[in-house]
N, C-alpha and C. Protein backbone atom coordinates (compact mmCIF):
# COMPACT_ATOMS: atom_id res chain seq x y z
N UNK A 1 173.39 86.80 173.23
CA UNK A 1 173.70 88.14 172.72
C UNK A 1 174.39 88.02 171.37
N UNK A 2 173.93 88.83 170.40
CA UNK A 2 174.49 88.76 169.06
C UNK A 2 175.94 89.21 169.04
N UNK A 3 176.76 88.49 168.27
CA UNK A 3 178.16 88.85 168.12
C UNK A 3 178.40 89.73 166.89
N UNK A 4 177.31 90.12 166.22
CA UNK A 4 177.45 90.96 165.04
C UNK A 4 177.71 92.40 165.46
N UNK A 5 178.45 93.13 164.62
CA UNK A 5 178.70 94.54 164.86
C UNK A 5 178.54 95.31 163.56
N UNK A 6 178.32 96.60 163.70
CA UNK A 6 178.14 97.45 162.52
C UNK A 6 179.51 97.88 162.04
N UNK A 7 179.76 97.66 160.72
CA UNK A 7 181.06 97.92 160.13
C UNK A 7 180.92 98.85 158.94
N UNK A 8 181.91 99.68 158.71
CA UNK A 8 181.99 100.50 157.50
C UNK A 8 183.15 99.97 156.68
N UNK A 9 182.85 99.53 155.44
CA UNK A 9 183.89 98.94 154.59
C UNK A 9 183.92 99.63 153.25
N UNK A 10 185.09 99.60 152.63
CA UNK A 10 185.25 100.15 151.28
C UNK A 10 185.29 98.99 150.30
N UNK A 11 184.42 99.05 149.29
CA UNK A 11 184.32 97.97 148.30
C UNK A 11 184.15 98.57 146.91
N UNK A 12 184.56 97.86 145.86
CA UNK A 12 184.28 98.33 144.50
C UNK A 12 182.82 98.06 144.15
N UNK A 13 182.07 99.10 143.84
CA UNK A 13 180.68 98.96 143.41
C UNK A 13 180.64 98.86 141.90
N UNK A 14 179.87 97.91 141.38
CA UNK A 14 179.72 97.73 139.94
C UNK A 14 178.51 98.54 139.47
N UNK A 15 178.76 99.57 138.65
CA UNK A 15 177.69 100.41 138.13
C UNK A 15 177.08 99.81 136.86
N UNK A 16 177.87 99.08 136.11
CA UNK A 16 177.36 98.43 134.90
C UNK A 16 178.32 97.31 134.53
N UNK A 17 177.78 96.30 133.85
CA UNK A 17 178.60 95.13 133.50
C UNK A 17 178.03 94.51 132.23
N UNK A 18 178.86 94.39 131.22
CA UNK A 18 178.44 93.74 129.97
C UNK A 18 179.55 92.81 129.50
N UNK A 19 179.18 91.85 128.69
CA UNK A 19 180.16 91.03 127.98
C UNK A 19 179.89 91.17 126.49
N UNK A 20 180.94 91.03 125.71
CA UNK A 20 180.78 91.17 124.27
C UNK A 20 181.84 90.34 123.56
N UNK A 21 181.43 89.75 122.44
CA UNK A 21 182.35 89.05 121.55
C UNK A 21 182.69 89.97 120.39
N UNK A 22 183.97 90.06 120.07
CA UNK A 22 184.40 90.85 118.91
C UNK A 22 185.20 89.94 117.99
N UNK A 23 184.92 90.03 116.69
CA UNK A 23 185.62 89.24 115.68
C UNK A 23 186.38 90.17 114.74
N UNK A 24 187.59 89.81 114.43
CA UNK A 24 188.39 90.58 113.48
C UNK A 24 188.96 89.63 112.44
N UNK A 25 188.74 89.96 111.16
CA UNK A 25 189.17 89.10 110.06
C UNK A 25 190.56 89.51 109.56
N UNK A 26 191.35 88.49 109.23
CA UNK A 26 192.67 88.69 108.64
C UNK A 26 192.74 87.84 107.37
N UNK A 27 193.45 88.36 106.38
CA UNK A 27 193.62 87.61 105.13
C UNK A 27 195.06 87.78 104.66
N UNK A 28 195.77 86.67 104.54
CA UNK A 28 197.17 86.68 104.12
C UNK A 28 197.23 86.02 102.74
N UNK A 29 197.50 86.82 101.73
CA UNK A 29 197.35 86.36 100.34
C UNK A 29 198.71 86.31 99.65
N UNK A 30 198.95 85.19 98.95
CA UNK A 30 200.10 85.06 98.08
C UNK A 30 201.45 85.18 98.78
N UNK A 31 202.46 85.52 97.99
CA UNK A 31 203.82 85.60 98.53
C UNK A 31 203.93 86.68 99.61
N UNK A 32 203.24 87.79 99.41
CA UNK A 32 203.29 88.85 100.40
C UNK A 32 202.70 88.38 101.73
N UNK A 33 201.58 87.66 101.66
CA UNK A 33 200.98 87.14 102.88
C UNK A 33 201.86 86.11 103.56
N UNK A 34 202.51 85.26 102.76
CA UNK A 34 203.40 84.25 103.32
C UNK A 34 204.61 84.91 104.00
N UNK A 35 205.09 86.00 103.40
CA UNK A 35 206.21 86.74 104.02
C UNK A 35 205.78 87.34 105.35
N UNK A 36 204.55 87.87 105.42
CA UNK A 36 204.06 88.45 106.68
C UNK A 36 203.95 87.38 107.76
N UNK A 37 203.53 86.19 107.38
CA UNK A 37 203.36 85.11 108.34
C UNK A 37 204.70 84.55 108.81
N UNK A 38 205.67 84.49 107.90
CA UNK A 38 207.02 84.01 108.23
C UNK A 38 206.96 82.72 109.05
N UNK A 39 206.29 81.71 108.49
CA UNK A 39 206.11 80.45 109.19
C UNK A 39 207.44 79.75 109.47
N UNK A 40 207.49 79.13 110.63
CA UNK A 40 208.55 78.17 110.93
C UNK A 40 207.89 76.81 111.05
N UNK A 41 208.28 75.89 110.17
CA UNK A 41 207.65 74.57 110.11
C UNK A 41 208.67 73.49 110.45
N UNK A 42 208.39 72.76 111.51
CA UNK A 42 209.28 71.68 111.95
C UNK A 42 210.73 72.17 112.04
N UNK A 43 210.91 73.39 112.55
CA UNK A 43 212.25 73.93 112.75
C UNK A 43 212.82 74.67 111.57
N UNK A 44 212.13 74.65 110.42
CA UNK A 44 212.63 75.33 109.22
C UNK A 44 212.03 76.72 109.12
N UNK A 45 212.85 77.78 109.13
CA UNK A 45 212.31 79.14 109.06
C UNK A 45 211.84 79.50 107.65
N UNK A 46 210.93 80.48 107.59
CA UNK A 46 210.41 80.99 106.30
C UNK A 46 209.96 79.86 105.39
N UNK A 47 209.21 78.92 105.96
CA UNK A 47 208.78 77.75 105.21
C UNK A 47 207.41 77.97 104.60
N UNK A 48 207.11 77.20 103.56
CA UNK A 48 205.78 77.15 102.97
C UNK A 48 205.06 75.94 103.55
N UNK A 49 204.06 76.15 104.41
CA UNK A 49 203.40 75.00 105.07
C UNK A 49 202.73 74.06 104.09
N UNK A 50 202.34 74.56 102.94
CA UNK A 50 201.64 73.72 101.97
C UNK A 50 202.50 72.56 101.49
N UNK A 51 203.81 72.68 101.60
CA UNK A 51 204.69 71.60 101.17
C UNK A 51 204.59 70.38 102.08
N UNK A 52 203.99 70.56 103.27
CA UNK A 52 203.86 69.46 104.22
C UNK A 52 202.63 68.60 103.99
N UNK A 53 201.67 69.13 103.23
CA UNK A 53 200.40 68.42 103.06
C UNK A 53 200.52 67.29 102.06
N UNK A 54 199.81 66.21 102.36
CA UNK A 54 199.76 65.06 101.46
C UNK A 54 198.30 64.75 101.11
N UNK A 55 198.08 64.36 99.87
CA UNK A 55 196.74 63.97 99.39
C UNK A 55 195.70 65.03 99.77
N UNK A 56 194.66 64.62 100.54
CA UNK A 56 193.57 65.53 100.87
C UNK A 56 193.70 66.11 102.28
N UNK A 57 194.89 66.18 102.79
CA UNK A 57 195.09 66.73 104.13
C UNK A 57 194.75 68.21 104.18
N UNK A 58 194.25 68.64 105.34
CA UNK A 58 193.96 70.06 105.59
C UNK A 58 194.58 70.44 106.94
N UNK A 59 195.02 71.67 107.01
CA UNK A 59 195.54 72.15 108.28
C UNK A 59 194.40 72.53 109.23
N UNK A 60 194.60 72.29 110.51
CA UNK A 60 193.73 72.82 111.56
C UNK A 60 194.43 74.05 112.13
N UNK A 61 193.71 75.16 112.14
CA UNK A 61 194.29 76.45 112.49
C UNK A 61 193.88 76.84 113.91
N UNK A 62 194.84 77.30 114.71
CA UNK A 62 194.55 77.85 116.03
C UNK A 62 195.45 79.05 116.26
N UNK A 63 195.20 79.79 117.34
CA UNK A 63 196.02 80.95 117.66
C UNK A 63 196.30 80.97 119.16
N UNK A 64 197.37 81.68 119.52
CA UNK A 64 197.68 81.95 120.93
C UNK A 64 198.07 83.42 121.06
N UNK A 65 197.72 84.07 122.18
CA UNK A 65 198.17 85.45 122.40
C UNK A 65 199.64 85.47 122.78
N UNK A 66 200.38 86.46 122.28
CA UNK A 66 201.81 86.54 122.56
C UNK A 66 202.20 87.99 122.82
N UNK A 67 203.46 88.16 123.24
CA UNK A 67 204.03 89.51 123.28
C UNK A 67 204.68 89.80 121.93
N UNK A 68 205.34 90.94 121.81
CA UNK A 68 205.91 91.34 120.52
C UNK A 68 207.02 90.40 120.07
N UNK A 69 207.62 89.66 121.02
CA UNK A 69 208.70 88.73 120.66
C UNK A 69 208.18 87.33 120.34
N UNK A 70 206.87 87.12 120.49
CA UNK A 70 206.29 85.82 120.16
C UNK A 70 206.17 84.88 121.34
N UNK A 71 206.43 85.37 122.55
CA UNK A 71 206.28 84.52 123.74
C UNK A 71 204.82 84.49 124.17
N UNK A 72 204.28 83.31 124.44
CA UNK A 72 202.88 83.20 124.84
C UNK A 72 202.64 83.93 126.15
N UNK A 73 201.50 84.62 126.25
CA UNK A 73 201.15 85.38 127.44
C UNK A 73 199.79 84.91 127.96
N UNK A 74 199.49 85.27 129.21
CA UNK A 74 198.18 84.98 129.78
C UNK A 74 197.15 85.97 129.27
N UNK A 75 195.87 85.59 129.36
CA UNK A 75 194.81 86.45 128.86
C UNK A 75 194.77 87.79 129.58
N UNK A 76 195.09 87.80 130.89
CA UNK A 76 195.02 89.06 131.61
C UNK A 76 196.16 90.01 131.27
N UNK A 77 197.09 89.55 130.42
CA UNK A 77 198.17 90.42 129.96
C UNK A 77 197.83 91.12 128.64
N UNK A 78 196.70 90.78 128.04
CA UNK A 78 196.29 91.43 126.79
C UNK A 78 195.82 92.84 127.10
N UNK A 79 196.35 93.81 126.39
CA UNK A 79 195.99 95.20 126.65
C UNK A 79 194.53 95.45 126.27
N UNK A 80 193.79 96.01 127.20
CA UNK A 80 192.39 96.37 126.96
C UNK A 80 192.11 97.57 127.84
N UNK A 81 192.01 98.77 127.25
CA UNK A 81 191.90 99.97 128.08
C UNK A 81 191.03 101.03 127.41
N UNK A 82 190.58 101.95 128.24
CA UNK A 82 189.74 103.04 127.76
C UNK A 82 190.60 104.09 127.07
N UNK A 83 190.08 104.66 125.98
CA UNK A 83 190.76 105.74 125.27
C UNK A 83 189.76 106.86 125.02
N UNK A 84 190.28 108.07 124.86
CA UNK A 84 189.42 109.20 124.54
C UNK A 84 188.57 109.64 125.73
N UNK A 85 187.55 110.44 125.43
CA UNK A 85 186.67 111.00 126.46
C UNK A 85 185.28 110.38 126.35
N UNK A 86 184.61 110.28 127.48
CA UNK A 86 183.24 109.77 127.50
C UNK A 86 182.27 110.87 127.08
N UNK A 87 181.15 110.45 126.52
CA UNK A 87 180.12 111.40 126.09
C UNK A 87 178.78 110.93 126.62
N UNK A 88 178.01 111.86 127.19
CA UNK A 88 176.68 111.52 127.71
C UNK A 88 175.70 111.35 126.55
N UNK A 89 174.91 110.28 126.62
CA UNK A 89 173.92 109.98 125.58
C UNK A 89 172.61 109.62 126.27
N UNK A 90 171.54 110.30 125.91
CA UNK A 90 170.23 109.97 126.47
C UNK A 90 169.58 108.89 125.61
N UNK A 91 169.25 107.76 126.23
CA UNK A 91 168.63 106.63 125.53
C UNK A 91 167.12 106.71 125.77
N UNK A 92 166.38 107.14 124.74
CA UNK A 92 164.95 107.38 124.90
C UNK A 92 164.19 106.12 125.27
N UNK A 93 164.55 104.98 124.67
CA UNK A 93 163.82 103.74 124.94
C UNK A 93 163.89 103.35 126.42
N UNK A 94 165.00 103.69 127.07
CA UNK A 94 165.17 103.35 128.48
C UNK A 94 164.88 104.51 129.41
N UNK A 95 164.80 105.71 128.83
CA UNK A 95 164.57 106.90 129.65
C UNK A 95 165.69 107.19 130.61
N UNK A 96 166.93 106.98 130.17
CA UNK A 96 168.09 107.13 131.06
C UNK A 96 169.26 107.68 130.27
N UNK A 97 170.13 108.40 130.97
CA UNK A 97 171.34 108.92 130.35
C UNK A 97 172.49 107.96 130.63
N UNK A 98 173.15 107.52 129.57
CA UNK A 98 174.30 106.64 129.67
C UNK A 98 175.53 107.35 129.10
N UNK A 99 176.64 106.67 129.16
CA UNK A 99 177.89 107.25 128.66
C UNK A 99 178.47 106.37 127.55
N UNK A 100 178.98 107.02 126.52
CA UNK A 100 179.71 106.31 125.48
C UNK A 100 181.15 106.11 125.93
N UNK A 101 181.58 104.86 126.00
CA UNK A 101 182.93 104.52 126.43
C UNK A 101 183.65 103.87 125.27
N UNK A 102 184.87 104.34 124.97
CA UNK A 102 185.67 103.80 123.86
C UNK A 102 186.82 102.97 124.41
N UNK A 103 186.96 101.77 123.87
CA UNK A 103 187.99 100.84 124.34
C UNK A 103 188.88 100.40 123.20
N UNK A 104 190.15 100.21 123.54
CA UNK A 104 191.12 99.70 122.57
C UNK A 104 191.72 98.41 123.10
N UNK A 105 191.72 97.39 122.26
CA UNK A 105 192.41 96.14 122.56
C UNK A 105 193.55 96.01 121.57
N UNK A 106 194.74 95.76 122.08
CA UNK A 106 195.92 95.74 121.22
C UNK A 106 196.88 94.68 121.69
N UNK A 107 197.55 94.04 120.75
CA UNK A 107 198.53 93.03 121.13
C UNK A 107 199.02 92.26 119.92
N UNK A 108 199.45 91.03 120.20
CA UNK A 108 200.00 90.16 119.15
C UNK A 108 199.46 88.74 119.35
N UNK A 109 199.48 87.97 118.28
CA UNK A 109 199.13 86.56 118.37
C UNK A 109 199.94 85.78 117.35
N UNK A 110 200.07 84.48 117.60
CA UNK A 110 200.70 83.58 116.65
C UNK A 110 199.65 82.65 116.07
N UNK A 111 199.81 82.33 114.80
CA UNK A 111 198.96 81.34 114.15
C UNK A 111 199.69 80.00 114.19
N UNK A 112 198.99 78.99 114.69
CA UNK A 112 199.54 77.64 114.78
C UNK A 112 198.82 76.71 113.82
N UNK A 113 199.57 75.86 113.15
CA UNK A 113 198.99 74.89 112.21
C UNK A 113 199.23 73.48 112.73
N UNK A 114 198.14 72.68 112.73
CA UNK A 114 198.20 71.29 113.17
C UNK A 114 197.70 70.42 112.02
N UNK A 115 198.14 69.17 112.00
CA UNK A 115 197.64 68.23 111.01
C UNK A 115 196.50 67.38 111.58
N UNK A 116 196.36 67.37 112.91
CA UNK A 116 195.28 66.65 113.57
C UNK A 116 194.70 67.51 114.67
N UNK A 117 193.41 67.29 114.98
CA UNK A 117 192.77 67.99 116.08
C UNK A 117 193.52 67.71 117.37
N UNK A 118 193.90 68.77 118.07
CA UNK A 118 194.68 68.66 119.30
C UNK A 118 196.02 67.98 119.07
N UNK A 119 196.46 67.95 117.82
CA UNK A 119 197.75 67.35 117.50
C UNK A 119 198.89 68.32 117.71
N UNK A 120 200.09 67.84 117.45
CA UNK A 120 201.29 68.67 117.62
C UNK A 120 201.27 69.83 116.63
N UNK A 121 201.93 70.90 117.03
CA UNK A 121 202.07 72.07 116.14
C UNK A 121 203.17 71.76 115.13
N UNK A 122 202.84 71.86 113.85
CA UNK A 122 203.85 71.61 112.81
C UNK A 122 204.39 72.92 112.24
N UNK A 123 203.60 73.99 112.33
CA UNK A 123 204.06 75.30 111.85
C UNK A 123 203.54 76.37 112.80
N UNK A 124 204.36 77.40 113.02
CA UNK A 124 203.90 78.55 113.78
C UNK A 124 204.39 79.81 113.10
N UNK A 125 203.53 80.83 113.11
CA UNK A 125 203.84 82.08 112.42
C UNK A 125 204.67 82.99 113.30
N UNK A 126 205.14 84.06 112.69
CA UNK A 126 205.73 85.16 113.46
C UNK A 126 204.60 85.85 114.23
N UNK A 127 204.92 86.68 115.24
CA UNK A 127 203.86 87.42 115.94
C UNK A 127 203.12 88.36 114.99
N UNK A 128 201.78 88.28 115.02
CA UNK A 128 200.93 89.11 114.17
C UNK A 128 200.29 90.19 115.03
N UNK A 129 200.46 91.48 114.69
CA UNK A 129 199.84 92.54 115.51
C UNK A 129 198.35 92.68 115.24
N UNK A 130 197.60 93.09 116.27
CA UNK A 130 196.19 93.43 116.08
C UNK A 130 195.87 94.64 116.94
N UNK A 131 194.87 95.39 116.50
CA UNK A 131 194.38 96.54 117.24
C UNK A 131 192.89 96.68 116.94
N UNK A 132 192.07 96.68 117.99
CA UNK A 132 190.61 96.71 117.82
C UNK A 132 190.04 97.86 118.63
N UNK A 133 189.19 98.65 117.99
CA UNK A 133 188.56 99.81 118.62
C UNK A 133 187.06 99.57 118.68
N UNK A 134 186.46 99.79 119.87
CA UNK A 134 185.02 99.57 120.04
C UNK A 134 184.41 100.66 120.90
N UNK A 135 183.10 100.84 120.73
CA UNK A 135 182.34 101.76 121.57
C UNK A 135 181.30 100.97 122.37
N UNK A 136 181.09 101.39 123.62
CA UNK A 136 180.11 100.77 124.50
C UNK A 136 179.22 101.85 125.09
N UNK A 137 177.93 101.55 125.26
CA UNK A 137 177.03 102.40 126.02
C UNK A 137 176.89 101.81 127.41
N UNK A 138 177.42 102.55 128.41
CA UNK A 138 177.43 102.03 129.77
C UNK A 138 176.94 103.08 130.75
N UNK A 139 176.48 102.61 131.89
CA UNK A 139 176.27 103.50 133.02
C UNK A 139 177.65 103.72 133.64
N UNK A 140 178.32 104.77 133.21
CA UNK A 140 179.69 105.04 133.64
C UNK A 140 179.85 106.52 133.95
N UNK A 141 179.17 107.00 135.00
CA UNK A 141 179.25 108.43 135.33
C UNK A 141 180.66 108.83 135.75
N UNK A 142 180.88 110.13 135.83
CA UNK A 142 182.18 110.64 136.24
C UNK A 142 182.55 110.09 137.61
N UNK A 143 183.79 109.65 137.74
CA UNK A 143 184.23 109.04 138.99
C UNK A 143 184.35 107.53 138.92
N UNK A 144 183.79 106.93 137.88
CA UNK A 144 183.91 105.48 137.72
C UNK A 144 185.12 105.15 136.85
N UNK A 145 185.63 103.96 137.05
CA UNK A 145 186.73 103.43 136.24
C UNK A 145 186.21 102.25 135.42
N UNK A 146 186.82 102.05 134.26
CA UNK A 146 186.43 100.94 133.40
C UNK A 146 187.42 99.80 133.58
N UNK A 147 186.90 98.63 133.94
CA UNK A 147 187.70 97.42 134.07
C UNK A 147 187.38 96.51 132.89
N UNK A 148 188.38 96.24 132.08
CA UNK A 148 188.21 95.42 130.87
C UNK A 148 189.06 94.17 131.01
N UNK A 149 188.42 93.01 130.88
CA UNK A 149 189.13 91.74 131.02
C UNK A 149 188.80 90.84 129.83
N UNK A 150 189.83 90.31 129.20
CA UNK A 150 189.64 89.31 128.13
C UNK A 150 189.59 87.94 128.79
N UNK A 151 188.48 87.21 128.60
CA UNK A 151 188.36 85.90 129.24
C UNK A 151 188.41 84.73 128.26
N UNK A 152 188.46 85.03 126.96
CA UNK A 152 188.69 83.96 125.98
C UNK A 152 189.26 84.59 124.72
N UNK A 153 190.11 83.82 124.03
CA UNK A 153 190.85 84.35 122.89
C UNK A 153 191.16 83.16 121.98
N UNK A 154 190.58 83.15 120.79
CA UNK A 154 190.82 82.02 119.89
C UNK A 154 190.64 82.46 118.44
N UNK A 155 191.04 81.60 117.53
CA UNK A 155 190.91 81.91 116.11
C UNK A 155 190.51 80.68 115.33
N UNK A 156 189.78 80.93 114.24
CA UNK A 156 189.42 79.87 113.30
C UNK A 156 189.83 80.32 111.91
N UNK A 157 190.28 79.38 111.11
CA UNK A 157 190.73 79.78 109.78
C UNK A 157 190.96 78.59 108.88
N UNK A 158 191.42 78.91 107.69
CA UNK A 158 191.69 77.88 106.68
C UNK A 158 192.90 78.29 105.86
N UNK A 159 193.70 77.30 105.50
CA UNK A 159 194.86 77.52 104.62
C UNK A 159 194.52 76.97 103.25
N UNK A 160 194.69 77.80 102.23
CA UNK A 160 194.42 77.38 100.85
C UNK A 160 195.74 77.16 100.11
N UNK A 161 195.87 75.97 99.53
CA UNK A 161 197.10 75.61 98.81
C UNK A 161 196.75 75.19 97.39
N UNK A 162 197.72 75.25 96.51
CA UNK A 162 197.54 74.79 95.14
C UNK A 162 198.84 74.16 94.67
N UNK A 163 198.78 72.84 94.42
CA UNK A 163 199.97 72.10 93.96
C UNK A 163 201.15 72.29 94.91
N UNK A 164 200.86 72.22 96.23
CA UNK A 164 201.92 72.32 97.22
C UNK A 164 202.46 73.71 97.45
N UNK A 165 201.76 74.73 96.94
CA UNK A 165 202.21 76.11 97.15
C UNK A 165 201.13 76.91 97.87
N UNK A 166 201.57 77.82 98.72
CA UNK A 166 200.67 78.64 99.51
C UNK A 166 199.92 79.62 98.61
N UNK A 167 198.59 79.71 98.82
CA UNK A 167 197.76 80.66 98.09
C UNK A 167 197.20 81.72 99.03
N UNK A 168 196.66 81.26 100.18
CA UNK A 168 195.95 82.21 101.05
C UNK A 168 195.74 81.57 102.43
N UNK A 169 195.71 82.42 103.46
CA UNK A 169 195.28 82.00 104.78
C UNK A 169 194.26 83.02 105.26
N UNK A 170 193.03 82.55 105.47
CA UNK A 170 191.96 83.41 105.96
C UNK A 170 191.69 83.05 107.41
N UNK A 171 191.65 84.06 108.28
CA UNK A 171 191.54 83.82 109.71
C UNK A 171 190.55 84.80 110.33
N UNK A 172 189.75 84.31 111.27
CA UNK A 172 188.91 85.17 112.11
C UNK A 172 189.39 85.05 113.54
N UNK A 173 189.84 86.16 114.10
CA UNK A 173 190.27 86.23 115.48
C UNK A 173 189.07 86.61 116.35
N UNK A 174 188.81 85.84 117.40
CA UNK A 174 187.67 86.09 118.28
C UNK A 174 188.16 86.40 119.69
N UNK A 175 187.67 87.51 120.24
CA UNK A 175 188.02 87.92 121.59
C UNK A 175 186.74 88.06 122.40
N UNK A 176 186.68 87.39 123.55
CA UNK A 176 185.54 87.50 124.46
C UNK A 176 185.97 88.36 125.64
N UNK A 177 185.18 89.38 125.95
CA UNK A 177 185.61 90.36 126.93
C UNK A 177 184.50 90.67 127.93
N UNK A 178 184.93 91.03 129.13
CA UNK A 178 184.02 91.45 130.19
C UNK A 178 184.36 92.90 130.53
N UNK A 179 183.34 93.78 130.47
CA UNK A 179 183.54 95.22 130.68
C UNK A 179 182.70 95.65 131.88
N UNK A 180 183.35 96.26 132.87
CA UNK A 180 182.65 96.73 134.06
C UNK A 180 182.99 98.20 134.33
N UNK A 181 181.97 98.96 134.74
CA UNK A 181 182.17 100.32 135.25
C UNK A 181 182.12 100.22 136.76
N UNK A 182 183.20 100.64 137.43
CA UNK A 182 183.32 100.45 138.87
C UNK A 182 183.77 101.75 139.55
N UNK A 183 183.48 101.84 140.84
CA UNK A 183 184.01 102.91 141.68
C UNK A 183 184.03 102.40 143.11
N UNK A 184 185.05 102.81 143.86
CA UNK A 184 185.11 102.44 145.27
C UNK A 184 184.07 103.24 146.06
N UNK A 185 183.30 102.55 146.88
CA UNK A 185 182.31 103.20 147.73
C UNK A 185 182.46 102.66 149.15
N UNK A 186 181.94 103.41 150.11
CA UNK A 186 181.94 102.96 151.51
C UNK A 186 180.51 102.59 151.89
N UNK A 187 180.34 101.40 152.40
CA UNK A 187 179.02 100.92 152.76
C UNK A 187 179.02 100.45 154.20
N UNK A 188 177.87 100.54 154.82
CA UNK A 188 177.72 100.06 156.19
C UNK A 188 177.04 98.70 156.16
N UNK A 189 177.64 97.75 156.83
CA UNK A 189 177.09 96.40 156.87
C UNK A 189 177.07 95.93 158.32
N UNK A 190 176.26 94.93 158.56
CA UNK A 190 176.25 94.30 159.86
C UNK A 190 176.89 92.94 159.71
N UNK A 191 177.89 92.69 160.47
CA UNK A 191 178.58 91.42 160.34
C UNK A 191 179.65 91.29 161.39
N UNK A 192 180.62 90.47 161.13
CA UNK A 192 181.74 90.33 162.04
C UNK A 192 183.00 90.11 161.21
N UNK A 193 184.14 90.46 161.77
CA UNK A 193 185.41 90.34 161.09
C UNK A 193 185.70 88.86 160.80
N UNK A 194 186.14 88.58 159.58
CA UNK A 194 186.48 87.21 159.21
C UNK A 194 187.88 86.86 159.70
N UNK A 195 188.04 85.63 160.10
CA UNK A 195 189.34 85.12 160.47
C UNK A 195 189.58 83.82 159.71
N UNK A 196 190.84 83.51 159.43
CA UNK A 196 191.11 82.26 158.71
C UNK A 196 190.78 81.05 159.57
N UNK A 197 190.45 79.92 158.93
CA UNK A 197 190.20 78.69 159.66
C UNK A 197 191.53 78.14 160.16
N UNK A 198 191.44 77.23 161.07
CA UNK A 198 192.64 76.56 161.56
C UNK A 198 193.27 75.74 160.44
N UNK A 199 194.57 75.85 160.30
CA UNK A 199 195.28 75.07 159.30
C UNK A 199 195.26 73.60 159.68
N UNK A 200 195.06 72.74 158.71
CA UNK A 200 195.09 71.30 158.96
C UNK A 200 196.52 70.83 158.77
N UNK A 201 197.14 70.42 159.85
CA UNK A 201 198.55 70.06 159.81
C UNK A 201 198.76 68.67 160.39
N UNK A 202 199.92 68.11 160.06
CA UNK A 202 200.28 66.83 160.64
C UNK A 202 200.52 66.99 162.14
N UNK A 203 200.17 66.01 162.96
CA UNK A 203 200.34 66.13 164.41
C UNK A 203 201.78 66.40 164.82
N UNK A 204 202.75 65.95 164.00
CA UNK A 204 204.15 66.10 164.39
C UNK A 204 204.67 67.51 164.11
N UNK A 205 203.87 68.34 163.39
CA UNK A 205 204.31 69.69 163.06
C UNK A 205 203.86 70.64 164.16
N UNK A 206 204.78 71.39 164.73
CA UNK A 206 204.45 72.32 165.79
C UNK A 206 203.96 73.64 165.20
N UNK A 207 202.83 74.14 165.69
CA UNK A 207 202.29 75.41 165.20
C UNK A 207 203.06 76.57 165.82
N UNK A 208 203.62 77.44 164.96
CA UNK A 208 204.42 78.57 165.44
C UNK A 208 203.86 79.91 164.97
N UNK A 209 202.90 79.92 164.06
CA UNK A 209 202.35 81.18 163.55
C UNK A 209 201.37 81.75 164.56
N UNK A 210 201.44 83.07 164.83
CA UNK A 210 200.51 83.68 165.78
C UNK A 210 199.13 83.85 165.16
N UNK A 211 198.11 84.04 166.02
CA UNK A 211 196.77 84.33 165.56
C UNK A 211 196.75 85.70 164.89
N UNK A 212 195.90 85.86 163.87
CA UNK A 212 195.74 87.16 163.21
C UNK A 212 194.79 88.01 164.02
N UNK A 213 195.21 89.21 164.39
CA UNK A 213 194.40 90.11 165.19
C UNK A 213 194.12 91.38 164.41
N UNK A 214 192.91 91.95 164.56
CA UNK A 214 192.55 93.21 163.91
C UNK A 214 192.46 94.30 164.97
N UNK A 215 192.79 95.55 164.61
CA UNK A 215 192.68 96.65 165.59
C UNK A 215 191.23 96.84 166.00
N UNK A 216 190.98 97.23 167.25
CA UNK A 216 189.60 97.43 167.71
C UNK A 216 188.97 98.65 167.08
N UNK A 217 187.63 98.62 166.95
CA UNK A 217 186.88 99.77 166.44
C UNK A 217 186.44 100.67 167.59
N UNK A 218 185.82 101.78 167.22
CA UNK A 218 185.21 102.69 168.20
C UNK A 218 183.72 102.76 167.89
N UNK A 219 182.95 101.71 168.20
CA UNK A 219 181.55 101.64 167.79
C UNK A 219 180.68 102.72 168.42
N UNK A 220 181.18 103.38 169.48
CA UNK A 220 180.37 104.42 170.11
C UNK A 220 180.19 105.64 169.19
N UNK A 221 181.20 105.86 168.29
CA UNK A 221 181.11 107.07 167.42
C UNK A 221 181.09 106.74 165.93
N UNK A 222 181.56 105.52 165.52
CA UNK A 222 181.64 105.20 164.09
C UNK A 222 181.48 103.71 163.88
N UNK A 223 180.66 103.27 162.91
CA UNK A 223 179.81 104.09 162.03
C UNK A 223 178.70 104.80 162.81
N UNK A 224 178.28 105.97 162.32
CA UNK A 224 177.23 106.72 163.04
C UNK A 224 175.91 105.97 163.02
N UNK A 225 175.16 106.09 164.12
CA UNK A 225 173.85 105.46 164.20
C UNK A 225 172.82 106.38 163.55
N UNK A 226 171.86 105.74 162.87
CA UNK A 226 170.81 106.52 162.19
C UNK A 226 169.59 106.68 163.10
């Protein structure tokens, strides 16, 4: 006799899912740009990183996401949220009505300078603010929520010096994001309640945790039979 039973569960249904890379360029020029960066190099505040270079050395540029105080944060802490109102748009090529969704990504990052690939950080900037606005065409009807997750965050750039003095820092910030339109739905499935496996323990350890039990269902009336 089958041990499967009919269950009604609530799960997030994905109505649409896209990924997108967004690039934002920054340019820090001359004394004003150096003031904005406010580099700290080897413990020295408001330093000119170009004074550290010798002969044909070049800086390797990287970035990290931070909070407003310059503390490094995890990617899931980067703000990425829907703004404004959605608008219905009929896409003739697909013969379907989609929704225009507007997203804002906002936060801070630090620019790090290295003298060698994967080498120690010799200079780090003050927190640099960024704000990015984008539009997406999604299947996102009324009742759905937008889930936005940043899954990669990096920067590439170059520092230009002349006779040991800072001239310019050009940087491209790259954000990789996953965008989903979701809504909770109730679905009927055939299956059985999951239980955890037995914990693997040393023989000398006495098991004291009780078994996990679920409340019984009323299969005679719910889920309804078709």
